[in-house]
Structures are given as structure tokens and as C-alpha cells.
Amino acid sequence: MKDKEKIISRKLAPEKGARMVETIYGCKWSLTVYQLLQNGINRPGLMARSVEGLTTKVLNDCLRKNVEFGILQRIEYHEVPPRVEYKITDVGTKFIDILEEIEKLQLLLDKTPS
């Protein structure tokens, strides 16, 4: 058996994807932001006013992380006063679908007797 080559190598978690999921789930506001965007609320000021307890600082942090991961796109309009909007990218749509599947899995696990 020692002489035979191993045909399967050890599978590792995707580093960037795992970090992204951990960061997004670690931010208690990301899922709320996705809901806001899916409901057509795409301007930061309106987002902050729409959710009790969501501060501008925390929202901006959350939005920045999501833009860095490619889940959201920041759109700047060169107007006076300046206007910024966010939208979910194609990658973000796929990512949100995965998060919804994880949520369904959690519901199944919650129903399974220990």
C-alpha cells in the first residue's frame, strides 16, 4: 500500500470564501442590508433611518466590507448634493442564495432530534 500513489489530496476550505462567509455572518447587519436592498432601499441615509439601532458608522463599515468582497457595488453620482447608492452584484446574488440555503439547512438541523 505504501508504494501506491495517493489519488486524493486533502481538501481544504476555500480561504477567501470561508473568510467572506465568516465576516458577513459575523456582521449582524449584513443580512439586514441585503433585505433593504432587495426591497429597493439603496441609499445609506435611508437604510440607517429604516432600521432601529443601525448607526451610520456601523452601516458604512458593513457596506465597505460587502463592496470589498464584491457582494455589493457602490455607485457614486456626481451631483450636488452628492448621492451614493448600492446594489447587489451578480456575485452577491449568488452569495445571498447560498446564505438562504444555509438558513434552510439550519432549520432542518433545528427540527432533527438530537
N, C-alpha and C. Protein backbone atom coordinates (compact mmCIF):
# COMPACT_ATOMS: atom_id res chain seq x y z
N MET A 1 0.81 -1.19 0.00
CA MET A 1 0.00 0.00 0.00
C MET A 1 0.86 1.27 0.00
N LYS A 2 2.04 1.21 0.65
CA LYS A 2 2.92 2.37 0.69
C LYS A 2 3.41 2.75 -0.69
N ASP A 3 3.55 1.76 -1.54
CA ASP A 3 4.09 2.01 -2.87
C ASP A 3 3.10 2.71 -3.79
N LYS A 4 1.83 2.61 -3.48
CA LYS A 4 0.81 3.22 -4.35
C LYS A 4 0.73 4.73 -4.10
N GLU A 5 0.54 5.44 -5.18
CA GLU A 5 0.37 6.89 -5.07
C GLU A 5 -1.00 7.21 -4.51
N LYS A 6 -1.07 8.22 -3.72
CA LYS A 6 -2.37 8.67 -3.21
C LYS A 6 -3.08 9.40 -4.33
N ILE A 7 -4.33 9.05 -4.53
CA ILE A 7 -5.06 9.63 -5.65
C ILE A 7 -5.93 10.82 -5.23
N ILE A 8 -6.14 10.98 -3.94
CA ILE A 8 -6.97 12.10 -3.47
C ILE A 8 -6.15 12.89 -2.47
N SER A 9 -6.07 14.19 -2.71
CA SER A 9 -5.36 15.04 -1.76
C SER A 9 -6.34 15.62 -0.76
N ARG A 10 -5.80 16.06 0.34
CA ARG A 10 -6.62 16.63 1.41
C ARG A 10 -7.37 17.85 0.91
N LYS A 11 -8.66 17.91 1.17
CA LYS A 11 -9.50 19.03 0.73
C LYS A 11 -9.46 20.11 1.81
N LEU A 12 -9.18 21.33 1.39
CA LEU A 12 -9.14 22.46 2.30
C LEU A 12 -10.31 23.39 2.02
N ALA A 13 -10.74 24.10 3.04
CA ALA A 13 -11.81 25.09 2.86
C ALA A 13 -11.28 26.21 1.98
N PRO A 14 -12.13 26.73 1.09
CA PRO A 14 -11.68 27.86 0.26
C PRO A 14 -11.41 29.07 1.15
N GLU A 15 -10.17 29.50 1.17
CA GLU A 15 -9.73 30.52 2.11
C GLU A 15 -10.53 31.82 2.00
N LYS A 16 -10.62 32.37 0.80
CA LYS A 16 -11.31 33.65 0.64
C LYS A 16 -12.81 33.50 0.89
N GLY A 17 -13.40 32.43 0.37
CA GLY A 17 -14.84 32.20 0.56
C GLY A 17 -15.19 32.00 2.02
N ALA A 18 -14.38 31.22 2.72
CA ALA A 18 -14.63 30.97 4.14
C ALA A 18 -14.52 32.26 4.94
N ARG A 19 -13.52 33.06 4.61
CA ARG A 19 -13.35 34.34 5.32
C ARG A 19 -14.52 35.27 5.04
N MET A 20 -15.01 35.24 3.78
CA MET A 20 -16.14 36.08 3.41
C MET A 20 -17.38 35.68 4.20
N VAL A 21 -17.69 34.38 4.25
CA VAL A 21 -18.87 33.92 4.97
C VAL A 21 -18.74 34.28 6.45
N GLU A 22 -17.58 34.06 7.02
CA GLU A 22 -17.36 34.37 8.43
C GLU A 22 -17.54 35.87 8.71
N THR A 23 -17.01 36.70 7.84
CA THR A 23 -17.11 38.15 8.01
C THR A 23 -18.55 38.61 7.89
N ILE A 24 -19.26 38.10 6.89
CA ILE A 24 -20.63 38.52 6.66
C ILE A 24 -21.54 38.05 7.78
N TYR A 25 -21.41 36.78 8.18
CA TYR A 25 -22.24 36.29 9.28
C TYR A 25 -21.81 36.92 10.60
N GLY A 26 -20.55 37.33 10.70
CA GLY A 26 -20.07 37.99 11.91
C GLY A 26 -20.63 39.40 12.06
N CYS A 27 -21.03 39.99 10.95
CA CYS A 27 -21.65 41.32 10.98
C CYS A 27 -23.15 41.14 11.09
N LYS A 28 -23.72 41.52 12.19
CA LYS A 28 -25.15 41.25 12.39
C LYS A 28 -26.04 42.09 11.48
N TRP A 29 -25.46 43.05 10.76
CA TRP A 29 -26.28 43.93 9.92
C TRP A 29 -26.27 43.56 8.44
N SER A 30 -25.33 42.72 7.99
CA SER A 30 -25.23 42.41 6.56
C SER A 30 -26.52 41.83 6.00
N LEU A 31 -27.10 40.88 6.68
CA LEU A 31 -28.32 40.26 6.18
C LEU A 31 -29.46 41.27 6.11
N THR A 32 -29.49 42.19 7.07
CA THR A 32 -30.50 43.25 7.06
C THR A 32 -30.28 44.18 5.88
N VAL A 33 -29.02 44.50 5.59
CA VAL A 33 -28.69 45.36 4.44
C VAL A 33 -29.15 44.69 3.15
N TYR A 34 -28.95 43.39 3.02
CA TYR A 34 -29.39 42.68 1.82
C TYR A 34 -30.91 42.78 1.67
N GLN A 35 -31.61 42.65 2.80
CA GLN A 35 -33.07 42.78 2.78
C GLN A 35 -33.49 44.17 2.32
N LEU A 36 -32.83 45.18 2.84
CA LEU A 36 -33.13 46.56 2.45
C LEU A 36 -32.94 46.74 0.94
N LEU A 37 -31.82 46.26 0.42
CA LEU A 37 -31.53 46.40 -1.00
C LEU A 37 -32.55 45.64 -1.85
N GLN A 38 -32.94 44.46 -1.40
CA GLN A 38 -33.93 43.69 -2.15
C GLN A 38 -35.29 44.37 -2.14
N ASN A 39 -35.52 45.24 -1.15
CA ASN A 39 -36.77 45.99 -1.06
C ASN A 39 -36.66 47.39 -1.68
N GLY A 40 -35.57 47.65 -2.40
CA GLY A 40 -35.43 48.91 -3.12
C GLY A 40 -34.87 50.06 -2.31
N ILE A 41 -34.43 49.80 -1.08
CA ILE A 41 -33.82 50.86 -0.26
C ILE A 41 -32.32 50.76 -0.48
N ASN A 42 -31.77 51.69 -1.29
CA ASN A 42 -30.37 51.55 -1.71
C ASN A 42 -29.48 52.73 -1.34
N ARG A 43 -30.02 53.70 -0.64
CA ARG A 43 -29.20 54.85 -0.22
C ARG A 43 -28.90 54.72 1.27
N PRO A 44 -27.64 54.95 1.65
CA PRO A 44 -27.22 54.74 3.04
C PRO A 44 -28.05 55.50 4.08
N GLY A 45 -28.37 56.75 3.80
CA GLY A 45 -29.15 57.53 4.77
C GLY A 45 -30.51 56.91 5.03
N LEU A 46 -31.17 56.46 3.98
CA LEU A 46 -32.48 55.83 4.13
C LEU A 46 -32.35 54.47 4.81
N MET A 47 -31.27 53.76 4.53
CA MET A 47 -31.03 52.48 5.20
C MET A 47 -30.94 52.68 6.71
N ALA A 48 -30.11 53.63 7.11
CA ALA A 48 -29.92 53.89 8.55
C ALA A 48 -31.22 54.32 9.22
N ARG A 49 -32.03 55.11 8.51
CA ARG A 49 -33.30 55.56 9.09
C ARG A 49 -34.35 54.45 9.11
N SER A 50 -34.18 53.44 8.28
CA SER A 50 -35.18 52.38 8.16
C SER A 50 -35.04 51.28 9.21
N VAL A 51 -33.89 51.20 9.85
CA VAL A 51 -33.64 50.11 10.79
C VAL A 51 -33.25 50.68 12.15
N GLU A 52 -34.04 50.38 13.16
CA GLU A 52 -33.75 50.85 14.51
C GLU A 52 -32.45 50.21 15.01
N GLY A 53 -31.57 51.03 15.54
CA GLY A 53 -30.32 50.55 16.11
C GLY A 53 -29.15 50.52 15.13
N LEU A 54 -29.40 50.77 13.87
CA LEU A 54 -28.34 50.76 12.87
C LEU A 54 -27.75 52.17 12.75
N THR A 55 -26.51 52.32 13.17
CA THR A 55 -25.86 53.62 13.12
C THR A 55 -25.17 53.81 11.76
N THR A 56 -24.94 55.04 11.41
CA THR A 56 -24.28 55.36 10.15
C THR A 56 -22.88 54.75 10.09
N LYS A 57 -22.14 54.82 11.19
CA LYS A 57 -20.78 54.28 11.24
C LYS A 57 -20.77 52.77 10.99
N VAL A 58 -21.64 52.06 11.68
CA VAL A 58 -21.71 50.61 11.52
C VAL A 58 -22.18 50.25 10.11
N LEU A 59 -23.16 50.98 9.61
CA LEU A 59 -23.66 50.74 8.26
C LEU A 59 -22.55 50.94 7.23
N ASN A 60 -21.81 52.03 7.34
CA ASN A 60 -20.73 52.30 6.39
C ASN A 60 -19.66 51.21 6.43
N ASP A 61 -19.36 50.72 7.63
CA ASP A 61 -18.41 49.63 7.80
C ASP A 61 -18.90 48.37 7.08
N CYS A 62 -20.16 48.06 7.29
CA CYS A 62 -20.80 46.90 6.69
C CYS A 62 -20.81 47.01 5.16
N LEU A 63 -21.19 48.16 4.67
CA LEU A 63 -21.24 48.39 3.22
C LEU A 63 -19.85 48.28 2.61
N ARG A 64 -18.85 48.84 3.28
CA ARG A 64 -17.47 48.80 2.79
C ARG A 64 -16.98 47.36 2.66
N LYS A 65 -17.23 46.54 3.69
CA LYS A 65 -16.80 45.14 3.65
C LYS A 65 -17.48 44.39 2.50
N ASN A 66 -18.76 44.64 2.32
CA ASN A 66 -19.50 43.96 1.26
C ASN A 66 -19.03 44.40 -0.13
N VAL A 67 -18.63 45.65 -0.27
CA VAL A 67 -18.08 46.13 -1.54
C VAL A 67 -16.72 45.47 -1.79
N GLU A 68 -15.89 45.36 -0.73
CA GLU A 68 -14.57 44.73 -0.87
C GLU A 68 -14.68 43.28 -1.32
N PHE A 69 -15.70 42.57 -0.84
CA PHE A 69 -15.90 41.17 -1.22
C PHE A 69 -16.57 41.02 -2.58
N GLY A 70 -17.05 42.12 -3.14
CA GLY A 70 -17.71 42.06 -4.44
C GLY A 70 -19.18 41.68 -4.36
N ILE A 71 -19.75 41.72 -3.16
CA ILE A 71 -21.16 41.38 -2.98
C ILE A 71 -22.04 42.56 -3.35
N LEU A 72 -21.57 43.75 -3.02
CA LEU A 72 -22.29 44.98 -3.35
C LEU A 72 -21.45 45.86 -4.25
N GLN A 73 -22.12 46.70 -5.00
CA GLN A 73 -21.45 47.70 -5.84
C GLN A 73 -21.86 49.08 -5.34
N ARG A 74 -20.87 49.95 -5.19
CA ARG A 74 -21.12 51.33 -4.78
C ARG A 74 -21.20 52.19 -6.03
N ILE A 75 -22.29 52.92 -6.16
CA ILE A 75 -22.49 53.78 -7.32
C ILE A 75 -22.51 55.23 -6.84
N GLU A 76 -21.57 56.02 -7.33
CA GLU A 76 -21.48 57.43 -6.95
C GLU A 76 -22.03 58.28 -8.08
N TYR A 77 -22.91 59.19 -7.74
CA TYR A 77 -23.45 60.14 -8.71
C TYR A 77 -22.82 61.49 -8.42
N HIS A 78 -22.25 62.10 -9.43
CA HIS A 78 -21.58 63.38 -9.25
C HIS A 78 -22.62 64.50 -9.40
N GLU A 79 -23.32 64.70 -8.30
CA GLU A 79 -24.37 65.71 -8.24
C GLU A 79 -24.13 66.58 -7.01
N VAL A 80 -24.88 67.63 -6.93
CA VAL A 80 -24.87 68.46 -5.73
C VAL A 80 -26.29 68.46 -5.18
N PRO A 81 -26.52 67.99 -3.98
CA PRO A 81 -25.56 67.31 -3.09
C PRO A 81 -25.18 65.93 -3.64
N PRO A 82 -24.01 65.42 -3.21
CA PRO A 82 -23.54 64.13 -3.71
C PRO A 82 -24.53 63.01 -3.33
N ARG A 83 -24.63 62.03 -4.21
CA ARG A 83 -25.55 60.92 -3.96
C ARG A 83 -24.80 59.61 -4.19
N VAL A 84 -25.00 58.66 -3.26
CA VAL A 84 -24.39 57.34 -3.35
C VAL A 84 -25.50 56.31 -3.20
N GLU A 85 -25.43 55.28 -4.02
CA GLU A 85 -26.38 54.17 -3.92
C GLU A 85 -25.60 52.86 -3.98
N TYR A 86 -26.22 51.82 -3.48
CA TYR A 86 -25.61 50.49 -3.50
C TYR A 86 -26.54 49.53 -4.21
N LYS A 87 -25.93 48.54 -4.88
CA LYS A 87 -26.74 47.50 -5.49
C LYS A 87 -26.03 46.17 -5.32
N ILE A 88 -26.81 45.11 -5.38
CA ILE A 88 -26.27 43.76 -5.24
C ILE A 88 -25.69 43.34 -6.59
N THR A 89 -24.46 42.84 -6.58
CA THR A 89 -23.81 42.38 -7.81
C THR A 89 -24.30 40.98 -8.17
N ASP A 90 -23.89 40.49 -9.32
CA ASP A 90 -24.22 39.11 -9.71
C ASP A 90 -23.61 38.11 -8.73
N VAL A 91 -22.38 38.37 -8.32
CA VAL A 91 -21.73 37.52 -7.32
C VAL A 91 -22.52 37.60 -6.01
N GLY A 92 -22.95 38.79 -5.66
CA GLY A 92 -23.74 38.98 -4.44
C GLY A 92 -25.05 38.21 -4.47
N THR A 93 -25.70 38.18 -5.62
CA THR A 93 -26.95 37.43 -5.75
C THR A 93 -26.71 35.95 -5.50
N LYS A 94 -25.63 35.42 -6.06
CA LYS A 94 -25.29 34.01 -5.83
C LYS A 94 -24.94 33.76 -4.37
N PHE A 95 -24.21 34.70 -3.78
CA PHE A 95 -23.82 34.58 -2.38
C PHE A 95 -25.05 34.59 -1.48
N ILE A 96 -25.98 35.48 -1.74
CA ILE A 96 -27.21 35.56 -0.93
C ILE A 96 -28.02 34.28 -1.08
N ASP A 97 -28.05 33.71 -2.29
CA ASP A 97 -28.73 32.42 -2.49
C ASP A 97 -28.10 31.34 -1.61
N ILE A 98 -26.77 31.34 -1.53
CA ILE A 98 -26.07 30.36 -0.69
C ILE A 98 -26.42 30.58 0.78
N LEU A 99 -26.46 31.83 1.22
CA LEU A 99 -26.82 32.13 2.61
C LEU A 99 -28.23 31.65 2.92
N GLU A 100 -29.14 31.80 1.96
CA GLU A 100 -30.51 31.32 2.15
C GLU A 100 -30.54 29.80 2.26
N GLU A 101 -29.70 29.11 1.51
CA GLU A 101 -29.63 27.65 1.61
C GLU A 101 -29.07 27.23 2.97
N ILE A 102 -28.09 27.98 3.48
CA ILE A 102 -27.54 27.70 4.81
C ILE A 102 -28.62 27.88 5.86
N GLU A 103 -29.44 28.90 5.69
CA GLU A 103 -30.54 29.14 6.63
C GLU A 103 -31.54 27.97 6.59
N LYS A 104 -31.85 27.47 5.39
CA LYS A 104 -32.74 26.31 5.26
C LYS A 104 -32.13 25.09 5.95
N LEU A 105 -30.83 24.90 5.78
CA LEU A 105 -30.14 23.79 6.42
C LEU A 105 -30.25 23.91 7.94
N GLN A 106 -30.08 25.13 8.44
CA GLN A 106 -30.19 25.35 9.88
C GLN A 106 -31.58 24.99 10.39
N LEU A 107 -32.61 25.35 9.63
CA LEU A 107 -33.98 25.00 10.01
C LEU A 107 -34.17 23.49 10.06
N LEU A 108 -33.58 22.78 9.11
CA LEU A 108 -33.64 21.31 9.11
C LEU A 108 -32.92 20.73 10.33
N LEU A 109 -31.76 21.29 10.62
CA LEU A 109 -30.99 20.82 11.78
C LEU A 109 -31.74 21.08 13.08
N ASP A 110 -32.44 22.21 13.14
CA ASP A 110 -33.20 22.54 14.35
C ASP A 110 -34.35 21.56 14.57
N LYS A 111 -34.88 20.99 13.48
CA LYS A 111 -36.00 20.05 13.58
C LYS A 111 -35.55 18.62 13.85
N THR A 112 -34.27 18.35 13.60
CA THR A 112 -33.74 17.00 13.79
C THR A 112 -33.54 16.72 15.27
N PRO A 113 -34.09 15.59 15.76
CA PRO A 113 -33.90 15.26 17.17
C PRO A 113 -32.44 14.93 17.47
N SER A 114 -31.98 15.30 18.63
CA SER A 114 -30.57 15.07 19.00
C SER A 114 -30.33 13.65 19.40
